Amino acid sequence: MSGVKCTSKTIYKNRYKKLWIFGAILGCALFLSGCGRVIHNDYESMRTSDSVNPMVTSQTSSFREKSFAADLCLPEDTKAENKRLAIETAGLFDLTSKKTLYGAGLNQRVYPASTTKLMTALVALKNGDPGQRIRISERAANPGADAQRLVLEPGDSMSLEQAINYLLVFSANDVAIAIAENIGGSYDGFVDLMNQEAKAIGATGTHFTNPHGLHDENHYTTPYDLYLILNEAVKYDLIRKIIPQSDYNTMFTGVNGDSKSIAVKATDAYLTGDVDAPEGITVLGGKTGTTDPAGHCLIILSQNAKGNDFISVVMKTDSLEELYDDMNSLLEQIPN
């Protein structure tokens, strides 16, 4: 009898164990089928997944966009609302109130020409030191017959700070190449850093193929992206110090160890005094750009009488006169 009792208990325990296992499996199945579903995907995988709840994806994307854009003016097209202006491919951004005061074609793809050099300066300072030496290679010394340049010799050298002064004040293409080669480890390596930085600051309509802006069909940006680039660049005190200069002259080292000096004037007509800004507006500098495909381009940082900062950009005008007329029309919209 004792053997039979032992067998009955064993059967009961086995049945109970099977029921418990079945219940556990059923519970897991219900959980995985949708009840209490937990999504562990990060944003990048969620964006490309077909299996996640679209509302969750939308909310996550919206949260990221709002967080990223909290300190930025948005690319709003205001041309239709602003009957006083009819400027194409342009923008005016209030950095204090984070408002777009004027926008036309802000997301339109354009060629940046030498406004590219703002990103070159930004990436150089982010990855280099102002005191490090920039040596001129054979390639840098020969940027092209029609390229704006200092006419440097292979083996000349200067500090990165000096190079950025020549880059932004005079728009020197030979210096742009030298900066790229010395800071990026290679020319192409530096261009990769430029594209990485563009993506990091949200300039998703931009692609660079060089550090100077000479024309390439695959080298492009948008007016809004240029705002993002200058907005990021002027966070560096050195860039804010350089861009208001009307001229620049410095001593650097020649290939034979001798001292050399090249004096240059700014390419921005506001800084040279050839064009006056509207009353109450102070132009703090920025970057010009001109090629045949790009037209005449200008992006500047300015201040009103209260000391508030504004960024304005005008792209692809047919002449310098039109460029500065359009820019002054934008600056006249700045409240004082």
Protein backbone atom coordinates (compact mmCIF):
# COMPACT_ATOMS: atom_id res chain seq x y z
CA MET A 1 0.00 0.00 0.00
CA SER A 2 2.79 2.34 0.81
CA GLY A 3 4.13 1.89 -2.74
CA VAL A 4 0.75 2.81 -4.26
CA LYS A 5 0.46 5.97 -2.13
CA CYS A 6 3.90 7.02 -3.21
CA THR A 7 2.98 6.58 -6.90
CA SER A 8 -0.26 8.66 -6.51
CA LYS A 9 1.60 11.58 -4.97
CA THR A 10 4.15 11.43 -7.72
CA ILE A 11 1.44 11.52 -10.42
CA TYR A 12 -0.26 14.46 -8.69
CA LYS A 13 2.97 16.41 -8.47
CA ASN A 14 3.78 15.73 -12.14
CA ARG A 15 0.32 16.91 -13.23
CA TYR A 16 0.65 20.08 -11.11
CA LYS A 17 4.09 20.76 -12.56
CA LYS A 18 2.75 20.34 -16.14
CA LEU A 19 -0.15 22.70 -15.43
CA TRP A 20 2.24 25.30 -13.98
CA ILE A 21 4.55 25.08 -17.01
CA PHE A 22 1.57 25.34 -19.40
CA GLY A 23 0.31 28.41 -17.56
CA ALA A 24 3.70 30.06 -17.70
CA ILE A 25 3.98 29.42 -21.44
CA LEU A 26 0.47 30.76 -22.05
CA GLY A 27 1.24 33.92 -20.05
CA CYS A 28 4.40 34.56 -22.06
CA ALA A 29 2.53 34.04 -25.31
CA LEU A 30 -0.14 36.55 -24.33
CA PHE A 31 2.50 39.07 -23.24
CA LEU A 32 4.44 38.78 -26.49
CA SER A 33 1.27 39.01 -28.58
CA GLY A 34 0.66 42.58 -27.45
CA CYS A 35 -0.52 42.79 -23.84
CA GLY A 36 1.90 45.03 -21.91
CA ARG A 37 4.32 45.21 -24.87
CA VAL A 38 7.61 46.95 -24.09
CA ILE A 39 9.67 48.43 -26.96
CA HIS A 40 13.38 48.52 -26.31
CA ASN A 41 14.41 49.80 -29.77
CA ASP A 42 16.51 52.96 -29.91
CA TYR A 43 15.41 55.78 -32.22
CA GLU A 44 17.53 54.75 -35.20
CA SER A 45 16.21 51.18 -35.28
CA MET A 46 12.64 52.31 -34.61
CA ARG A 47 12.76 54.67 -37.54
CA THR A 48 13.33 51.80 -39.98
CA SER A 49 11.28 49.08 -38.26
CA ASP A 50 7.92 48.01 -39.70
CA SER A 51 6.88 46.10 -36.59
CA VAL A 52 6.72 48.89 -34.01
CA ASN A 53 3.74 50.97 -33.05
CA PRO A 54 3.77 53.97 -35.46
CA MET A 55 2.44 56.25 -32.73
CA VAL A 56 5.42 55.42 -30.52
CA THR A 57 7.80 56.10 -33.40
CA SER A 58 6.09 59.40 -34.16
CA GLN A 59 6.17 60.51 -30.55
CA THR A 60 9.82 59.57 -30.16
CA SER A 61 10.77 61.39 -33.36
CA SER A 62 8.77 64.44 -32.35
CA PHE A 63 10.41 64.52 -28.92
CA ARG A 64 13.89 64.34 -30.45
CA GLU A 65 13.09 67.08 -32.95
CA LYS A 66 11.70 69.41 -30.29
CA SER A 67 14.67 68.75 -28.01
CA PHE A 68 17.19 69.29 -30.80
CA ALA A 69 15.52 72.46 -32.07
CA ALA A 70 14.90 74.04 -28.66
CA ASP A 71 17.74 76.54 -29.13
CA LEU A 72 17.33 77.03 -32.88
CA CYS A 73 15.20 79.09 -35.25
CA LEU A 74 13.03 76.81 -37.39
CA PRO A 75 13.17 76.83 -41.24
CA GLU A 76 9.87 78.63 -41.69
CA ASP A 77 8.93 80.08 -45.08
CA THR A 78 7.60 83.57 -44.44
CA LYS A 79 7.90 85.05 -47.93
CA ALA A 80 4.18 84.81 -48.65
CA GLU A 81 3.37 86.60 -45.38
CA ASN A 82 5.95 89.36 -45.84
CA LYS A 83 4.70 91.49 -48.73
CA ARG A 84 7.50 94.03 -48.25
CA LEU A 85 10.22 91.60 -49.34
CA ALA A 86 10.54 89.46 -52.43
CA ILE A 87 14.06 88.11 -51.86
CA GLU A 88 14.66 84.58 -53.11
CA THR A 89 16.78 82.00 -51.28
CA ALA A 90 17.37 84.00 -48.13
CA GLY A 91 16.79 84.01 -44.39
CA LEU A 92 16.90 86.25 -41.32
CA PHE A 93 17.15 84.62 -37.90
CA ASP A 94 16.77 86.22 -34.46
CA LEU A 95 19.20 84.35 -32.20
CA THR A 96 17.75 85.89 -29.04
CA SER A 97 14.07 85.07 -29.53
CA LYS A 98 14.81 81.97 -31.66
CA LYS A 99 12.51 83.23 -34.40
CA THR A 100 12.80 83.16 -38.17
CA LEU A 101 12.01 86.74 -39.20
CA TYR A 102 12.24 86.00 -42.93
CA GLY A 103 12.56 82.80 -44.89
CA ALA A 104 12.45 82.04 -48.61
CA GLY A 105 13.76 78.81 -50.10
CA LEU A 106 15.45 77.93 -46.83
CA ASN A 107 15.59 74.23 -47.66
CA GLN A 108 16.48 74.74 -51.32
CA ARG A 109 19.73 73.10 -52.41
CA VAL A 110 22.34 75.70 -53.39
CA TYR A 111 26.08 75.78 -54.01
CA PRO A 112 27.86 77.39 -51.06
CA ALA A 113 31.02 78.64 -52.80
CA SER A 114 33.42 80.06 -50.16
CA THR A 115 30.81 80.19 -47.40
CA THR A 116 32.08 76.60 -47.09
CA LYS A 117 35.06 77.99 -45.20
CA LEU A 118 32.92 78.62 -42.12
CA MET A 119 32.66 74.86 -41.71
CA THR A 120 36.38 74.51 -42.44
CA ALA A 121 37.17 76.91 -39.59
CA LEU A 122 34.67 75.24 -37.26
CA VAL A 123 36.02 71.73 -37.86
CA ALA A 124 39.63 72.93 -37.63
CA LEU A 125 39.11 74.46 -34.19
CA LYS A 126 37.06 71.49 -32.99
CA ASN A 127 39.81 69.04 -33.96
CA GLY A 128 42.96 71.14 -33.68
CA ASP A 129 44.73 73.69 -31.50
CA PRO A 130 45.13 77.36 -32.49
CA GLY A 131 48.87 77.17 -31.83
CA GLN A 132 49.67 74.08 -33.88
CA ARG A 133 51.69 74.45 -37.08
CA ILE A 134 50.05 74.31 -40.48
CA ARG A 135 52.53 73.38 -43.20
CA ILE A 136 51.92 74.16 -46.85
CA SER A 137 52.10 71.16 -49.19
CA GLU A 138 52.65 71.14 -52.94
CA ARG A 139 48.92 70.57 -53.38
CA ALA A 140 48.01 73.47 -51.09
CA ALA A 141 50.40 75.81 -52.87
CA ASN A 142 48.65 75.08 -56.18
CA PRO A 143 44.88 75.31 -55.58
CA GLY A 144 44.14 76.33 -59.17
CA ALA A 145 44.94 79.28 -61.41
CA ASP A 146 41.63 81.08 -60.77
CA ALA A 147 41.44 80.32 -57.06
CA GLN A 148 41.72 83.07 -54.45
CA ARG A 149 45.05 82.43 -52.69
CA LEU A 150 47.95 83.94 -50.79
CA VAL A 151 50.56 82.52 -53.21
CA LEU A 152 52.37 80.45 -50.60
CA GLU A 153 55.33 78.15 -51.24
CA PRO A 154 55.54 74.46 -50.34
CA GLY A 155 57.23 74.30 -46.95
CA ASP A 156 55.88 77.60 -45.63
CA SER A 157 54.19 77.29 -42.26
CA MET A 158 52.02 79.25 -39.86
CA SER A 159 49.89 78.61 -36.81
CA LEU A 160 46.34 77.36 -37.16
CA GLU A 161 45.12 80.67 -35.73
CA GLN A 162 46.97 82.59 -38.44
CA ALA A 163 45.64 80.23 -41.09
CA ILE A 164 42.02 80.69 -39.96
CA ASN A 165 42.48 84.46 -40.10
CA TYR A 166 43.61 84.22 -43.73
CA LEU A 167 40.85 81.70 -44.41
CA LEU A 168 37.96 83.83 -43.14
CA VAL A 169 39.21 87.36 -43.84
CA PHE A 170 40.68 86.81 -47.31
CA SER A 171 39.03 83.50 -48.26
CA ALA A 172 42.36 81.92 -49.21
CA ASN A 173 41.92 78.55 -50.93
CA ASP A 174 45.54 77.48 -50.50
CA VAL A 175 45.15 77.95 -46.76
CA ALA A 176 41.90 75.95 -46.78
CA ILE A 177 43.70 72.99 -48.35
CA ALA A 178 46.59 73.25 -45.91
CA ILE A 179 44.24 73.31 -42.93
CA ALA A 180 42.46 70.22 -44.22
CA GLU A 181 45.66 68.25 -44.76
CA ASN A 182 47.16 69.16 -41.38
CA ILE A 183 44.06 68.85 -39.18
CA GLY A 184 42.27 65.94 -40.82
CA GLY A 185 45.32 63.72 -41.27
CA SER A 186 44.55 63.90 -44.97
CA TYR A 187 42.51 66.06 -47.32
CA ASP A 188 39.75 63.44 -47.61
CA GLY A 189 39.87 62.75 -43.90
CA PHE A 190 39.11 66.38 -43.16
CA VAL A 191 36.22 66.45 -45.63
CA ASP A 192 34.80 63.44 -43.81
CA LEU A 193 34.99 65.43 -40.57
CA MET A 194 33.15 68.30 -42.25
CA ASN A 195 30.30 66.01 -43.27
CA GLN A 196 30.18 64.43 -39.82
CA GLU A 197 29.93 67.86 -38.23
CA ALA A 198 27.19 68.92 -40.64
CA LYS A 199 25.15 65.89 -39.63
CA ALA A 200 25.84 66.49 -35.93
CA ILE A 201 24.46 70.05 -36.00
CA GLY A 202 21.40 69.10 -38.07
CA ALA A 203 22.59 70.40 -41.44
CA THR A 204 21.12 67.38 -43.23
CA GLY A 205 20.76 69.15 -46.58
CA THR A 206 24.51 69.67 -46.83
CA HIS A 207 27.28 67.62 -48.41
CA PHE A 208 30.90 68.70 -48.75
CA THR A 209 33.55 67.43 -51.15
CA ASN A 210 36.25 70.00 -50.37
CA PRO A 211 37.28 72.54 -47.68
CA HIS A 212 37.23 75.66 -49.89
CA GLY A 213 33.99 75.72 -51.89
CA LEU A 214 35.31 75.63 -55.45
CA HIS A 215 32.52 74.20 -57.56
CA ASP A 216 31.58 70.54 -57.45
CA GLU A 217 28.09 69.26 -58.24
CA ASN A 218 28.18 67.08 -55.13
CA HIS A 219 29.20 69.99 -52.91
CA TYR A 220 26.02 71.72 -51.75
CA THR A 221 24.08 73.14 -48.84
CA THR A 222 20.88 75.09 -48.07
CA PRO A 223 20.36 78.61 -46.71
CA TYR A 224 19.00 77.12 -43.49
CA ASP A 225 22.00 74.81 -43.11
CA LEU A 226 24.34 77.78 -43.52
CA TYR A 227 22.51 79.45 -40.64
CA LEU A 228 23.13 76.32 -38.56
CA ILE A 229 26.83 76.32 -39.50
CA LEU A 230 27.45 79.99 -38.69
CA ASN A 231 25.39 79.68 -35.52
CA GLU A 232 27.70 76.86 -34.40
CA ALA A 233 30.90 78.54 -35.61
CA VAL A 234 30.39 81.75 -33.64
CA LYS A 235 30.31 79.76 -30.42
CA TYR A 236 34.10 79.83 -30.77
CA ASP A 237 35.55 83.04 -29.37
CA LEU A 238 38.37 82.97 -31.92
CA ILE A 239 35.95 82.96 -34.85
CA ARG A 240 33.94 85.82 -33.33
CA LYS A 241 37.23 87.69 -32.96
CA ILE A 242 38.33 87.07 -36.55
CA ILE A 243 35.21 87.72 -38.63
CA PRO A 244 34.82 91.49 -37.92
CA GLN A 245 38.29 92.33 -39.30
CA SER A 246 38.53 94.56 -42.36
CA ASP A 247 42.11 93.43 -43.04
CA TYR A 248 44.80 91.12 -41.73
CA ASN A 249 48.58 90.95 -41.69
CA THR A 250 50.88 88.58 -39.82
CA MET A 251 54.42 87.20 -39.83
CA PHE A 252 54.81 83.50 -40.62
CA THR A 253 57.68 81.18 -41.46
CA GLY A 254 58.96 80.63 -44.98
CA VAL A 255 60.32 77.38 -46.35
CA ASN A 256 63.90 78.49 -45.63
CA GLY A 257 63.12 79.60 -42.09
CA ASP A 258 62.85 83.27 -43.02
CA SER A 259 59.97 85.47 -41.85
CA LYS A 260 57.26 86.31 -44.38
CA SER A 261 54.31 88.64 -44.26
CA ILE A 262 51.26 88.98 -46.51
CA ALA A 263 48.72 91.76 -45.95
CA VAL A 264 45.15 91.14 -47.11
CA LYS A 265 41.81 92.95 -47.09
CA ALA A 266 38.43 91.45 -46.24
CA THR A 267 36.11 90.26 -48.99
CA ASP A 268 33.02 91.56 -47.15
CA ALA A 269 32.02 95.04 -48.37
CA TYR A 270 30.41 95.87 -45.02
CA LEU A 271 33.75 95.39 -43.28
CA THR A 272 35.76 97.37 -45.82
CA GLY A 273 33.31 100.28 -45.66
CA ASP A 274 32.21 99.97 -49.28
CA VAL A 275 28.62 99.23 -48.20
CA ASP A 276 26.80 100.70 -45.20
CA ALA A 277 24.40 98.67 -43.08
CA PRO A 278 21.04 100.19 -42.12
CA GLU A 279 21.02 102.61 -39.19
CA GLY A 280 21.21 100.90 -35.81
CA ILE A 281 22.66 97.66 -37.24
CA THR A 282 26.28 96.60 -36.70
CA VAL A 283 27.67 93.91 -38.98
CA LEU A 284 29.96 91.63 -36.98
CA GLY A 285 31.20 89.67 -39.99
CA GLY A 286 30.51 86.39 -41.68
CA LYS A 287 31.53 84.92 -45.02
CA THR A 288 31.24 85.77 -48.67
CA GLY A 289 31.21 83.32 -51.57
CA THR A 290 31.24 83.62 -55.34
CA THR A 291 31.43 81.14 -58.21
CA ASP A 292 29.58 81.13 -61.52
CA PRO A 293 27.24 78.26 -60.53
CA ALA A 294 26.71 79.59 -56.97
CA GLY A 295 26.30 83.25 -57.89
CA HIS A 296 27.07 85.81 -55.20
CA CYS A 297 26.50 84.63 -51.62
CA LEU A 298 26.78 86.20 -48.17
CA ILE A 299 25.99 85.11 -44.64
CA ILE A 300 26.62 87.47 -41.72
CA LEU A 301 26.22 87.89 -37.99
CA SER A 302 24.93 91.30 -36.93
CA GLN A 303 23.63 93.11 -33.86
CA ASN A 304 20.89 95.65 -33.28
CA ALA A 305 21.16 98.65 -30.95
CA LYS A 306 20.16 96.46 -28.01
CA GLY A 307 23.07 94.10 -28.64
CA ASN A 308 20.90 91.19 -29.79
CA ASP A 309 22.43 88.86 -32.39
CA PHE A 310 20.97 88.03 -35.80
CA ILE A 311 22.11 85.82 -38.67
CA SER A 312 21.13 86.71 -42.21
CA VAL A 313 21.89 84.86 -45.42
CA VAL A 314 21.39 85.67 -49.11
CA MET A 315 22.36 83.16 -51.80
CA LYS A 316 22.86 83.04 -55.58
CA THR A 317 22.28 86.65 -56.64
CA ASP A 318 23.38 87.76 -60.10
CA SER A 319 25.58 90.64 -58.96
CA LEU A 320 27.31 92.11 -55.92
CA GLU A 321 25.00 95.11 -56.05
CA GLU A 322 21.96 92.85 -55.85
CA LEU A 323 23.58 90.84 -53.06
CA TYR A 324 24.10 93.83 -50.77
CA ASP A 325 20.78 95.43 -51.69
CA ASP A 326 19.01 92.21 -50.70
CA MET A 327 21.06 91.87 -47.54
CA ASN A 328 20.26 95.45 -46.48
CA SER A 329 16.58 94.77 -47.13
CA LEU A 330 16.84 91.87 -44.68
CA LEU A 331 18.76 93.90 -42.11
CA GLU A 332 16.07 96.59 -42.24
CA GLN A 333 13.64 94.00 -40.81
CA ILE A 334 15.67 93.76 -37.60
CA PRO A 335 13.86 95.49 -34.70
CA ASN A 336 15.81 98.10 -32.73
